[in-house]
Amino acid sequence: MTDVTSDWFWEGNVVEAITRFLMQDGWTIEAKADTHSKERGVDIRASRNGRTLLVEAKGYPAKTYRDPRRTGEVKPTNPTNQAQQWYSHALLKVMRLQAKHPNAIVALGFPNFPRYRALFEETHGGLAKLGVGMLTVDADGNVQTWGLHGQD
């Protein structure tokens, strides 16, 4: 059986890397979703200086199925196409979060893949108007941020 958690770009590893980064940056982690069990809700809820940060994270699609019953089977969908779907789902989630929590800072969190960077470049103008930032996680666990205005 394939251990999905070993992929650096698995959603749970993205959440862990962003959580470590935020803690090092002075944020208090109030809640973190258990992505292994596919827990619903906000992936990361953090606070600092009276501000709340809500992060919706996604991993990057694998080329093969992660379901133990289909291990090793190649997916018919190209990961690049599936990544676009995951990006759009994350956008809808942060828009809903922003509507529900208008005083919070909301951000997307993704592994640093060219496809996600390209999608962010195509949408960053609109995201900036909405006040939505982005955090990306490199294979080595380093995190970069864009557009996290109002952090302090």
Protein backbone atom coordinates (compact mmCIF):
# COMPACT_ATOMS: atom_id res chain seq x y z
CA MET A 1 0.00 0.00 0.00
CA THR A 2 1.26 3.47 -0.91
CA ASP A 3 1.82 5.90 1.97
CA VAL A 4 0.36 9.16 0.68
CA THR A 5 1.80 11.08 3.58
CA SER A 6 5.32 10.54 2.26
CA ASP A 7 4.74 12.94 -0.67
CA TRP A 8 5.93 16.42 0.34
CA PHE A 9 3.06 17.88 -1.70
CA TRP A 10 0.35 15.90 0.10
CA GLU A 11 -2.19 18.28 1.68
CA GLY A 12 -1.37 17.21 5.23
CA ASN A 13 2.31 18.01 4.72
CA VAL A 14 1.41 21.39 3.21
CA VAL A 15 -0.73 22.16 6.28
CA GLU A 16 2.09 21.09 8.63
CA ALA A 17 4.69 23.23 6.84
CA ILE A 18 2.42 26.30 6.86
CA THR A 19 1.60 25.72 10.52
CA ARG A 20 5.32 25.59 11.43
CA PHE A 21 5.96 28.76 9.41
CA LEU A 22 3.11 30.64 11.07
CA MET A 23 4.21 29.61 14.56
CA GLN A 24 7.77 30.80 13.80
CA ASP A 25 6.25 34.07 12.55
CA GLY A 26 4.50 34.67 15.87
CA TRP A 27 1.05 33.29 15.09
CA THR A 28 -0.83 31.15 17.60
CA ILE A 29 -2.42 28.11 15.97
CA GLU A 30 -5.97 27.86 17.28
CA ALA A 31 -7.12 24.97 15.10
CA LYS A 32 -5.75 22.70 12.42
CA ALA A 33 -7.78 20.21 10.39
CA ASP A 34 -6.85 16.55 10.40
CA THR A 35 -6.33 16.18 6.67
CA HIS A 36 -5.52 12.48 6.95
CA SER A 37 -9.08 11.80 8.08
CA LYS A 38 -10.38 14.38 5.54
CA GLU A 39 -11.81 16.50 8.36
CA ARG A 40 -14.03 19.29 7.08
CA GLY A 41 -13.68 22.94 7.97
CA VAL A 42 -10.91 25.50 7.96
CA ASP A 43 -7.52 23.90 7.42
CA ILE A 44 -5.65 26.36 9.65
CA ARG A 45 -7.01 28.99 12.04
CA ALA A 46 -4.35 31.21 13.59
CA SER A 47 -4.30 34.46 15.55
CA ARG A 48 -1.81 37.22 16.25
CA ASN A 49 -2.20 40.73 17.67
CA GLY A 50 -5.99 40.43 17.70
CA ARG A 51 -6.17 39.32 14.06
CA THR A 52 -7.41 35.98 12.76
CA LEU A 53 -5.89 34.18 9.77
CA LEU A 54 -7.82 31.43 7.99
CA VAL A 55 -5.95 29.23 5.51
CA GLU A 56 -7.49 26.88 2.97
CA ALA A 57 -4.80 24.41 1.86
CA LYS A 58 -4.60 21.92 -0.97
CA GLY A 59 -2.01 19.41 -2.04
CA TYR A 60 -0.99 18.61 -5.59
CA PRO A 61 -2.67 15.76 -7.48
CA ALA A 62 -0.71 12.55 -7.77
CA LYS A 63 -0.46 10.75 -11.11
CA THR A 64 -1.70 7.52 -9.54
CA TYR A 65 -4.65 6.82 -7.29
CA ARG A 66 -4.09 7.12 -3.55
CA ASP A 67 -7.02 4.89 -2.70
CA PRO A 68 -5.53 1.62 -1.37
CA ARG A 69 -7.95 -0.36 -3.55
CA ARG A 70 -6.47 1.25 -6.69
CA THR A 71 -2.81 1.61 -5.70
CA GLY A 72 -0.53 1.97 -8.69
CA GLU A 73 -3.36 2.65 -11.12
CA VAL A 74 -2.71 5.77 -13.23
CA LYS A 75 -5.47 8.38 -13.09
CA PRO A 76 -7.08 9.33 -16.40
CA THR A 77 -6.99 13.04 -15.46
CA ASN A 78 -3.76 14.94 -15.97
CA PRO A 79 -2.55 16.34 -12.60
CA THR A 80 -2.22 19.82 -14.17
CA ASN A 81 -5.92 19.81 -15.09
CA GLN A 82 -6.91 18.40 -11.71
CA ALA A 83 -4.79 21.07 -9.98
CA GLN A 84 -6.87 23.76 -11.71
CA GLN A 85 -10.03 22.17 -10.28
CA TRP A 86 -8.50 22.04 -6.80
CA TYR A 87 -7.44 25.69 -7.13
CA SER A 88 -10.96 26.73 -8.11
CA HIS A 89 -12.43 24.76 -5.18
CA ALA A 90 -10.01 26.52 -2.81
CA LEU A 91 -11.00 29.91 -4.27
CA LEU A 92 -14.66 29.23 -3.59
CA LYS A 93 -13.80 28.15 -0.05
CA VAL A 94 -11.83 31.32 0.74
CA MET A 95 -14.59 33.48 -0.70
CA ARG A 96 -17.07 31.75 1.60
CA LEU A 97 -14.68 32.12 4.53
CA GLN A 98 -14.30 35.82 3.79
CA ALA A 99 -18.07 36.29 3.69
CA LYS A 100 -18.52 34.39 6.97
CA HIS A 101 -15.51 36.03 8.70
CA PRO A 102 -15.24 39.54 7.17
CA ASN A 103 -12.61 40.71 9.67
CA ALA A 104 -10.30 37.73 9.14
CA ILE A 105 -7.32 37.51 6.84
CA VAL A 106 -7.91 34.63 4.43
CA ALA A 107 -5.29 32.85 2.40
CA LEU A 108 -4.75 29.95 0.07
CA GLY A 109 -2.02 27.40 0.80
CA PHE A 110 -0.48 25.25 -1.94
CA PRO A 111 2.64 23.26 -2.65
CA ASN A 112 4.96 25.26 -4.88
CA PHE A 113 4.23 23.82 -8.33
CA PRO A 114 4.39 25.77 -11.60
CA ARG A 115 0.68 25.14 -12.26
CA TYR A 116 -0.40 26.70 -8.97
CA ARG A 117 1.97 29.63 -9.44
CA ALA A 118 0.57 30.24 -12.94
CA LEU A 119 -3.01 30.11 -11.64
CA PHE A 120 -2.11 32.56 -8.88
CA GLU A 121 -0.50 34.91 -11.42
CA GLU A 122 -3.69 34.79 -13.50
CA THR A 123 -5.92 35.54 -10.51
CA HIS A 124 -3.78 37.62 -8.12
CA GLY A 125 -5.35 40.93 -9.18
CA GLY A 126 -8.81 39.73 -8.19
CA LEU A 127 -7.46 38.04 -5.07
CA ALA A 128 -5.79 41.30 -4.02
CA LYS A 129 -9.11 43.14 -4.37
CA LEU A 130 -10.70 40.49 -2.17
CA GLY A 131 -7.83 40.63 0.31
CA VAL A 132 -6.89 36.98 -0.26
CA GLY A 133 -3.24 36.01 0.12
CA MET A 134 -1.30 32.89 -0.76
CA LEU A 135 1.30 30.74 0.94
CA THR A 136 3.35 28.24 -1.02
CA VAL A 137 5.38 25.37 0.38
CA ASP A 138 8.60 24.23 -1.29
CA ALA A 139 9.75 20.60 -1.34
CA ASP A 140 12.20 21.44 1.47
CA GLY A 141 9.39 22.83 3.66
CA ASN A 142 10.20 26.53 3.17
CA VAL A 143 7.14 28.75 2.91
CA GLN A 144 6.73 31.89 0.83
CA THR A 145 3.86 34.36 1.14
CA TRP A 146 2.15 36.74 -1.26
CA GLY A 147 -0.50 39.33 -0.55
CA LEU A 148 -0.99 38.68 3.17
CA HIS A 149 -1.92 42.31 3.81
CA GLY A 150 -3.13 43.35 7.21
CA GLN A 151 -1.12 40.69 9.03
CA ASP A 152 -0.20 42.99 11.91
